[in-house]
Protein backbone atom coordinates (compact mmCIF):
# COMPACT_ATOMS: atom_id res chain seq x y z
CA UNK A 1 -25.60 6.39 9.55
CA UNK A 2 -24.07 2.65 10.65
CA UNK A 3 -21.14 1.44 8.70
CA UNK A 4 -19.71 -1.74 9.03
CA UNK A 5 -15.78 -2.20 8.01
CA UNK A 6 -14.65 -5.46 7.61
CA UNK A 7 -10.72 -5.52 7.28
CA UNK A 8 -8.35 -8.38 8.85
CA UNK A 9 -6.07 -5.59 10.21
CA UNK A 10 -8.44 -2.61 10.73
CA UNK A 11 -8.34 -0.15 10.15
CA UNK A 12 -5.55 -0.46 7.53
CA UNK A 13 -7.01 1.74 4.49
CA UNK A 14 -9.64 2.67 6.20
CA UNK A 15 -7.77 4.60 8.95
CA UNK A 16 -8.87 8.39 7.55
CA UNK A 17 -12.43 7.24 6.64
CA UNK A 18 -13.10 5.16 9.84
CA UNK A 19 -12.02 7.77 11.81
CA UNK A 20 -13.84 10.60 9.90
CA UNK A 21 -17.43 8.82 10.27
CA UNK A 22 -16.97 7.71 13.98
CA UNK A 23 -16.64 11.41 14.73
CA UNK A 24 -19.35 12.61 13.11
CA UNK A 25 -22.48 12.70 15.71
CA UNK A 26 -25.00 10.39 14.71
CA UNK A 27 -22.67 7.54 12.99
CA UNK A 28 -22.06 4.48 14.26
CA UNK A 29 -19.19 2.46 13.52
CA UNK A 30 -18.15 -0.86 13.64
CA UNK A 31 -14.98 -2.78 12.44
CA UNK A 32 -14.31 -6.85 12.20
CA UNK A 33 -10.68 -7.83 11.71
CA UNK A 34 -8.76 -10.78 13.16
CA UNK A 35 -8.26 -10.62 16.83
CA UNK A 36 -4.62 -10.33 17.51
CA UNK A 37 -4.36 -7.57 14.78
CA UNK A 38 -6.94 -5.76 16.20
CA UNK A 39 -5.47 -5.81 19.80
CA UNK A 40 -2.07 -4.57 18.46
CA UNK A 41 -3.99 -1.77 16.89
CA UNK A 42 -6.86 -0.74 19.14
CA UNK A 43 -7.67 2.70 19.79
CA UNK A 44 -7.11 3.97 16.38
CA UNK A 45 -10.76 4.57 15.80
CA UNK A 46 -11.77 6.28 18.92
CA UNK A 47 -15.63 5.55 19.04
CA UNK A 48 -15.29 2.34 16.83
CA UNK A 49 -17.01 -1.06 18.01
CA UNK A 50 -14.39 -3.78 17.27
CA UNK A 51 -15.32 -7.19 16.79
CA UNK A 52 -12.61 -9.90 16.25
CA UNK A 53 -12.48 -13.53 14.72
CA UNK A 54 -9.76 -16.09 15.64
CA UNK A 55 -7.12 -16.24 12.59
CA UNK A 56 -7.30 -19.17 10.76
CA UNK A 57 -5.37 -22.21 10.92
CA UNK A 58 -4.53 -24.27 8.34
CA UNK A 59 -2.29 -27.61 8.16
CA UNK A 60 -0.77 -29.67 5.74
CA UNK A 61 -1.41 -27.59 2.34
CA UNK A 62 1.01 -25.37 0.48
CA UNK A 63 1.41 -21.91 0.57
CA UNK A 64 -1.06 -21.02 -2.41
CA UNK A 65 -3.51 -23.59 -1.06
CA UNK A 66 -3.26 -22.74 2.06
CA UNK A 67 -3.88 -18.94 1.33
CA UNK A 68 -7.27 -19.87 -0.58
CA UNK A 69 -7.85 -22.45 2.54
CA UNK A 70 -7.33 -19.50 4.84
CA UNK A 71 -9.44 -16.64 2.67
CA UNK A 72 -12.60 -19.52 2.84
CA UNK A 73 -11.97 -20.06 6.71
CA UNK A 74 -11.98 -16.37 7.10
CA UNK A 75 -15.20 -15.98 4.82
CA UNK A 76 -16.99 -18.15 7.08
CA UNK A 77 -15.61 -16.60 10.44
CA UNK A 78 -17.04 -13.33 9.29
CA UNK A 79 -20.27 -14.40 8.35
CA UNK A 80 -20.91 -16.27 11.36
CA UNK A 81 -20.36 -13.15 13.15
CA UNK A 82 -22.65 -11.28 10.89
CA UNK A 83 -25.64 -13.78 11.40
CA UNK A 84 -24.94 -13.03 14.87
CA UNK A 85 -25.21 -9.31 14.73
CA UNK A 86 -28.37 -9.79 12.22
CA UNK A 87 -29.75 -11.82 14.85
CA UNK A 88 -29.71 -9.42 17.70
CA UNK A 89 -31.24 -6.57 15.68
CA UNK A 90 -28.17 -5.05 14.04
CA UNK A 91 -28.67 -3.46 10.42
CA UNK A 92 -25.67 -1.58 8.70
CA UNK A 93 -26.53 1.06 6.25
CA UNK A 94 -23.25 0.14 4.56
CA UNK A 95 -20.67 -2.64 4.71
CA UNK A 96 -17.12 -1.42 3.53
CA UNK A 97 -15.07 -4.53 2.94
CA UNK A 98 -11.14 -5.02 1.79
CA UNK A 99 -11.30 -8.23 -0.74
CA UNK A 100 -8.05 -9.47 -0.12
CA UNK A 101 -8.41 -11.73 2.62
CA UNK A 102 -11.49 -13.52 1.57
CA UNK A 103 -13.65 -11.86 4.52
CA UNK A 104 -16.71 -10.16 2.29
CA UNK A 105 -17.52 -13.59 0.43
CA UNK A 106 -20.49 -14.18 2.40
CA UNK A 107 -21.33 -11.09 3.63
CA UNK A 108 -24.07 -9.98 1.19
CA UNK A 109 -25.78 -13.23 1.88
CA UNK A 110 -26.61 -12.12 5.46
CA UNK A 111 -26.97 -8.44 4.54
CA UNK A 112 -28.66 -9.03 1.59
CA UNK A 113 -30.46 -5.32 1.26
CA UNK A 114 -27.33 -3.56 2.49
CA UNK A 115 -25.10 -2.02 -0.10
CA UNK A 116 -21.42 -3.43 0.02
CA UNK A 117 -18.57 -1.47 -1.28
CA UNK A 118 -15.67 -3.46 -1.91
CA UNK A 119 -11.96 -2.27 -1.43
CA UNK A 120 -9.94 -3.81 -4.53
CA UNK A 121 -6.63 -3.15 -3.92
CA UNK A 122 -5.41 -5.53 -6.34
CA UNK A 123 -5.68 -8.50 -8.92
CA UNK A 124 -3.04 -10.87 -9.91
CA UNK A 125 -1.83 -11.73 -13.14
CA UNK A 126 0.90 -14.40 -14.09
CA UNK A 127 3.23 -12.20 -15.87
CA UNK A 128 4.25 -10.16 -12.55
CA UNK A 129 6.78 -13.10 -11.58
CA UNK A 130 8.96 -12.40 -14.67
CA UNK A 131 9.48 -8.80 -14.14
CA UNK A 132 12.73 -8.55 -12.39
CA UNK A 133 15.60 -11.38 -13.22
CA UNK A 134 16.04 -11.50 -9.75
CA UNK A 135 12.21 -13.05 -9.01
CA UNK A 136 12.05 -15.52 -11.83
CA UNK A 137 8.47 -16.80 -13.22
CA UNK A 138 8.09 -20.63 -12.43
CA UNK A 139 5.96 -22.71 -14.00
CA UNK A 140 2.71 -22.71 -12.25
CA UNK A 141 2.70 -19.15 -11.61
CA UNK A 142 -0.64 -19.13 -13.63
CA UNK A 143 -2.21 -21.76 -11.05
CA UNK A 144 -0.68 -19.34 -8.01
CA UNK A 145 -2.56 -16.24 -9.42
CA UNK A 146 -6.04 -18.05 -10.28
CA UNK A 147 -6.31 -19.45 -6.81
CA UNK A 148 -5.08 -16.02 -5.32
CA UNK A 149 -7.72 -14.32 -7.52
CA UNK A 150 -10.20 -16.73 -6.53
CA UNK A 151 -11.86 -15.12 -3.20
CA UNK A 152 -11.76 -11.19 -4.73
CA UNK A 153 -14.18 -12.72 -7.87
CA UNK A 154 -16.24 -14.48 -5.01
CA UNK A 155 -16.72 -10.95 -3.16
CA UNK A 156 -16.68 -9.02 -5.96
CA UNK A 157 -19.68 -10.97 -7.72
CA UNK A 158 -22.04 -10.22 -4.63
CA UNK A 159 -20.55 -6.80 -4.09
CA UNK A 160 -22.40 -3.42 -5.19
CA UNK A 161 -19.69 -1.49 -5.89
CA UNK A 162 -15.60 -1.08 -5.77
CA UNK A 163 -13.25 1.44 -5.14
CA UNK A 164 -9.62 1.24 -5.91
CA UNK A 165 -6.95 3.46 -4.98
CA UNK A 166 -5.41 4.08 -8.61
CA UNK A 167 -6.43 3.75 -12.28
CA UNK A 168 -3.63 0.83 -12.82
CA UNK A 169 -4.82 -0.84 -10.02
CA UNK A 170 -8.55 -0.57 -11.19
CA UNK A 171 -7.42 -1.92 -14.67
CA UNK A 172 -6.05 -4.85 -13.32
CA UNK A 173 -9.33 -6.23 -12.55
CA UNK A 174 -11.61 -8.02 -15.50
CA UNK A 175 -13.32 -5.43 -17.80
CA UNK A 176 -16.79 -6.59 -16.36
CA UNK A 177 -15.76 -6.03 -12.82
CA UNK A 178 -13.66 -2.86 -13.66
CA UNK A 179 -17.00 -0.96 -14.96
CA UNK A 180 -18.28 -1.22 -11.20
CA UNK A 181 -15.36 -0.06 -9.80
CA UNK A 182 -14.62 3.93 -8.82
CA UNK A 183 -11.07 5.14 -8.60
CA UNK A 184 -10.53 7.59 -5.19
CA UNK A 185 -7.28 7.12 -3.52
CA UNK A 186 -6.93 6.59 0.39
CA UNK A 187 -5.54 10.13 1.02
CA UNK A 188 -2.08 11.89 2.51
CA UNK A 189 -2.79 14.41 4.88
CA UNK A 190 -0.46 17.01 3.31
CA UNK A 191 -1.29 19.77 5.99
CA UNK A 192 1.30 17.05 7.75
CA UNK A 193 3.48 15.93 4.99
CA UNK A 194 5.04 18.91 3.67
CA UNK A 195 7.96 20.39 2.61
CA UNK A 196 10.79 21.92 4.70
CA UNK A 197 11.33 25.60 5.03
CA UNK A 198 14.76 25.81 3.47
CA UNK A 199 16.25 23.01 0.84
CA UNK A 200 18.28 20.15 2.10
CA UNK A 201 22.11 21.29 3.13
CA UNK A 202 23.40 17.48 3.26
CA UNK A 203 23.18 15.02 0.95
CA UNK A 204 20.85 12.41 2.16
CA UNK A 205 19.68 9.71 0.13
CA UNK A 206 16.46 8.11 1.69
CA UNK A 207 15.03 4.93 1.05
CA UNK A 208 11.53 3.75 2.70
CA UNK A 209 9.52 0.48 2.50
CA UNK A 210 7.42 -0.94 5.29
CA UNK A 211 9.00 -3.88 4.90
CA UNK A 212 12.76 -4.64 3.00
CA UNK A 213 11.56 -6.96 0.20
CA UNK A 214 12.31 -7.24 -3.85
CA UNK A 215 8.58 -6.33 -4.71
CA UNK A 216 9.71 -2.95 -3.35
CA UNK A 217 13.20 -3.16 -5.00
CA UNK A 218 14.65 -3.54 -2.02
CA UNK A 219 17.85 -5.88 -3.32
CA UNK A 220 18.45 -3.61 -6.71
CA UNK A 221 18.81 -0.66 -4.73
CA UNK A 222 21.39 -2.67 -2.33
CA UNK A 223 23.27 -3.19 -5.33
CA UNK A 224 23.11 -0.24 -6.55
CA UNK A 225 24.77 1.35 -3.34
CA UNK A 226 28.54 0.32 -4.21
CA UNK A 227 28.26 2.52 -7.34
CA UNK A 228 26.20 5.24 -5.48
CA UNK A 229 28.82 5.82 -3.27
CA UNK A 230 31.52 5.58 -5.54
CA UNK A 231 30.17 8.39 -7.17
CA UNK A 232 28.78 10.58 -4.50
CA UNK A 233 31.62 9.82 -1.56
CA UNK A 234 30.10 12.34 0.99
CA UNK A 235 26.32 10.67 0.63
CA UNK A 236 24.56 9.27 3.44
CA UNK A 237 22.16 6.72 2.91
CA UNK A 238 19.01 6.05 5.51
CA UNK A 239 17.07 2.98 4.84
CA UNK A 240 13.78 2.55 6.90
CA UNK A 241 11.97 -0.64 6.65
CA UNK A 242 10.90 -4.03 8.92
CA UNK A 243 12.58 -7.29 7.81
CA UNK A 244 8.95 -8.91 7.79
CA UNK A 245 7.81 -9.93 4.14
CA UNK A 246 4.17 -8.96 2.97
CA UNK A 247 4.24 -9.54 -0.66
CA UNK A 248 7.57 -11.27 -2.04
CA UNK A 249 8.56 -15.30 -2.08
CA UNK A 250 9.90 -15.55 1.72
CA UNK A 251 13.81 -15.67 2.02
CA UNK A 252 15.00 -19.00 3.40
CA UNK A 253 13.78 -19.66 6.86
CA UNK A 254 15.82 -18.06 9.42
CA UNK A 255 16.90 -14.74 7.10
CA UNK A 256 15.68 -11.83 6.04
CA UNK A 257 16.20 -9.82 2.35
CA UNK A 258 18.31 -7.45 4.80
CA UNK A 259 20.86 -10.31 5.91
CA UNK A 260 20.90 -11.89 2.29
CA UNK A 261 21.72 -8.70 0.58
CA UNK A 262 24.23 -7.57 3.67
CA UNK A 263 25.73 -10.77 2.84
CA UNK A 264 25.95 -10.50 -0.80
CA UNK A 265 27.55 -6.87 -0.96
CA UNK A 266 29.76 -7.85 2.10
CA UNK A 267 32.86 -5.89 1.71
CA UNK A 268 31.58 -3.55 -1.05
CA UNK A 269 29.50 -1.16 0.60
CA UNK A 270 30.74 1.46 3.68
CA UNK A 271 28.29 0.80 6.18
CA UNK A 272 29.55 3.76 8.02
CA UNK A 273 27.54 5.80 5.39
CA UNK A 274 24.33 3.22 5.34
CA UNK A 275 21.97 3.32 8.44
CA UNK A 276 19.08 0.85 8.87
CA UNK A 277 16.04 1.97 10.50
CA UNK A 278 13.18 -0.63 11.35
CA UNK A 279 10.54 1.79 11.77
CA UNK A 280 9.68 5.49 12.85
CA UNK A 281 6.91 7.17 14.55
CA UNK A 282 4.98 9.26 11.84
CA UNK A 283 6.12 12.61 12.77
CA UNK A 284 9.43 11.66 12.77
CA UNK A 285 9.17 9.82 9.60
CA UNK A 286 8.08 12.67 7.63
CA UNK A 287 10.92 14.83 9.16
CA UNK A 288 13.38 12.38 7.51
CA UNK A 289 11.53 12.90 4.11
CA UNK A 290 11.91 16.88 4.61
CA UNK A 291 15.69 16.40 5.17
CA UNK A 292 15.75 13.90 1.78
CA UNK A 293 18.09 14.97 -1.00
CA UNK A 294 16.93 12.09 -3.09
CA UNK A 295 14.25 9.72 -2.38
CA UNK A 296 14.22 6.77 -4.31
CA UNK A 297 11.23 4.73 -4.37
CA UNK A 298 11.71 1.14 -6.12
CA UNK A 299 8.44 -1.26 -7.10
CA UNK A 300 7.50 -4.01 -9.35
CA UNK A 301 4.44 -3.68 -11.06
CA UNK A 302 2.20 -3.69 -7.73
CA UNK A 303 0.07 -1.72 -5.69
CA UNK A 304 1.43 1.82 -5.10
CA UNK A 305 2.63 2.51 -1.66
CA UNK A 306 1.47 5.58 0.50
CA UNK A 307 5.39 6.29 1.08
CA UNK A 308 5.51 7.74 -2.60
CA UNK A 309 2.71 9.99 -2.20
CA UNK A 310 3.90 11.45 1.46
CA UNK A 311 7.62 11.67 -0.22
CA UNK A 312 5.77 14.17 -2.97
CA UNK A 313 3.96 15.93 -0.71
CA UNK A 314 7.14 16.30 1.39
CA UNK A 315 8.79 17.78 -1.52
CA UNK A 316 11.28 15.30 -2.10
CA UNK A 317 13.03 14.71 -5.28
CA UNK A 318 11.89 11.61 -6.33
CA UNK A 319 13.93 8.62 -8.28
CA UNK A 320 11.46 5.95 -8.53
CA UNK A 321 11.17 2.84 -10.75
CA UNK A 322 9.77 3.31 -14.42
CA UNK A 323 6.90 0.89 -13.81
CA UNK A 324 3.27 1.73 -14.85
CA UNK A 325 1.97 2.41 -11.32
CA UNK A 326 4.71 4.71 -10.65
CA UNK A 327 4.14 6.63 -14.18
CA UNK A 328 0.41 7.36 -13.52
CA UNK A 329 1.74 9.77 -10.36
CA UNK A 330 5.62 10.88 -11.38
CA UNK A 331 6.20 12.25 -15.09
CA UNK A 332 10.01 11.73 -15.57
CA UNK A 333 11.66 15.24 -15.61
CA UNK A 334 8.68 17.21 -14.41
CA UNK A 335 7.78 15.57 -10.86
CA UNK A 336 10.73 13.18 -10.35
CA UNK A 337 13.09 10.89 -12.16
CA UNK A 338 12.44 7.50 -13.55
CA UNK A 339 14.69 4.76 -14.03
CA UNK A 340 14.24 0.47 -14.49
CA UNK A 341 15.68 -0.32 -11.30
CA UNK A 342 16.66 -3.46 -12.35
CA UNK A 343 19.78 -1.93 -13.56
CA UNK A 344 21.78 -0.92 -10.55
CA UNK A 345 24.39 1.23 -12.69
CA UNK A 346 21.44 3.38 -14.14
CA UNK A 347 19.87 3.56 -10.73
CA UNK A 348 22.94 5.16 -9.59
CA UNK A 349 23.26 7.19 -12.21
CA UNK A 350 19.85 9.05 -11.71
CA UNK A 351 20.59 9.27 -7.88
CA UNK A 352 23.68 10.81 -8.54
CA UNK A 353 21.85 13.25 -11.36
CA UNK A 354 19.48 14.45 -8.23
CA UNK A 355 22.03 15.11 -6.36
CA UNK A 356 24.23 17.12 -8.78
CA UNK A 357 21.53 19.24 -9.88
CA UNK A 358 19.88 20.17 -6.62
CA UNK A 359 19.07 23.68 -7.31
CA UNK A 360 17.98 23.04 -11.00
CA UNK A 361 15.59 20.36 -9.64
CA UNK A 362 13.81 22.49 -7.12
CA UNK A 363 10.54 22.78 -9.86
CA UNK A 364 10.25 18.98 -9.55
CA UNK A 365 10.19 19.03 -6.26
CA UNK A 366 7.22 21.95 -6.37
CA UNK A 367 5.52 19.91 -9.10
CA UNK A 368 5.61 16.73 -7.13
CA UNK A 369 4.06 18.88 -3.87
CA UNK A 370 1.68 20.39 -6.22
CA UNK A 371 0.48 17.02 -7.67
CA UNK A 372 0.14 15.17 -4.15
CA UNK A 373 -2.26 18.31 -3.10
CA UNK A 374 -4.14 18.29 -6.01
CA UNK A 375 -4.87 14.37 -6.75
CA UNK A 376 -4.15 12.89 -3.20
CA UNK A 377 -4.77 15.12 -0.65
CA UNK A 378 -6.62 13.49 2.23
CA UNK A 379 -9.52 16.07 3.48
CA UNK A 380 -10.11 18.37 0.29
CA UNK A 381 -10.07 16.04 -2.42
CA UNK A 382 -10.21 12.18 -1.47
CA UNK A 383 -12.47 11.83 1.66
CA UNK A 384 -15.25 14.40 0.09
CA UNK A 385 -15.08 11.79 -2.70
CA UNK A 386 -15.07 9.00 -0.64
CA UNK A 387 -18.25 10.27 1.19
CA UNK A 388 -19.75 11.15 -1.91
CA UNK A 389 -19.51 7.51 -3.12
CA UNK A 390 -20.31 6.12 0.81
CA UNK A 391 -24.05 8.23 0.59
CA UNK A 392 -24.75 7.59 -2.83
CA UNK A 393 -24.92 3.64 -2.27
CA UNK A 394 -26.18 3.76 1.27
CA UNK A 395 -29.27 6.05 -0.51
CA UNK A 396 -29.51 3.08 -2.63
CA UNK A 397 -28.52 5.05 -6.00
CA UNK A 398 -25.85 3.69 -8.67
CA UNK A 399 -22.72 5.99 -8.09
CA UNK A 400 -21.94 7.65 -11.75
């Protein structure tokens, strides 16, 4: 089978899937993405043919208008490259494309007889801006959301089918598109992410996110630390995450949310018991999760992070946001502890509860692990489901 993956930061969500198909005899895997990103991540999918395009350059526009302009520029660049592929005789059996950056908008016009499977990560709504009082809604949120969603709708209009990683994420899309979106998670390797042989013997609180930003509740966690430290004077806190911003509004130029929160909390936090780590190799990251006494996962109503499922698979005692994407996975008092993370005192109280009742809460760790294995296991659940969907579309059939 010939598979063409399209993702500006390939492999991204396609990492497991692309490796799976590239490793099977008789398959031909090609991938399209932004050249600088592909160079940084080259070799992550052995055997894949990598095709890059120049990142869009937009000047003189505001952030929202520039986002739409970049999406259309990407769409044109990808279509131009795809035309050259077609002229060379290349015909994929299926195209898998993330709709988030506009790349697949014109792909169906280039390969009209090839099924296009769209990765539907998120559809924006104006209500998100007012969820957190520290991220107030602005008057033109509805304009920003319409323009951000425009390339998603253009891509979905031509796609044959879509896939979302969770039911809540699928539910954000308009009903007329939702009917053609399957729910299949990207998958977590639960053979790698697994619990330690013995329970943790230290008071270690972990918080991890790719980037330390408000969408992932970083500011709320920082504001809870003084109360956590007052209640648990022996606890150590490890925060893993970079200073880049992926989803949230950008901080003032020359700053980061980490620097802003450290300035705000100056003198109120014992920094000898708080350790910041920008990133960790995956094996070390999983080892940290296995040591965790309480793992804090916070998010506004937004895309669910892989890190939550990895923590559950690792047998962590989860303290998480009481928000709809989390509630789909974590049941309060059964697979973790939920809290309104906008309340720092309430967040600190739930962390204290997790630390105080370690032995009593072992069943929550066990249940979290079972949930990860039964619903999100890469090899036994998610990859087989993804493969069935791909093969159904490639054979010209409509998924159930």
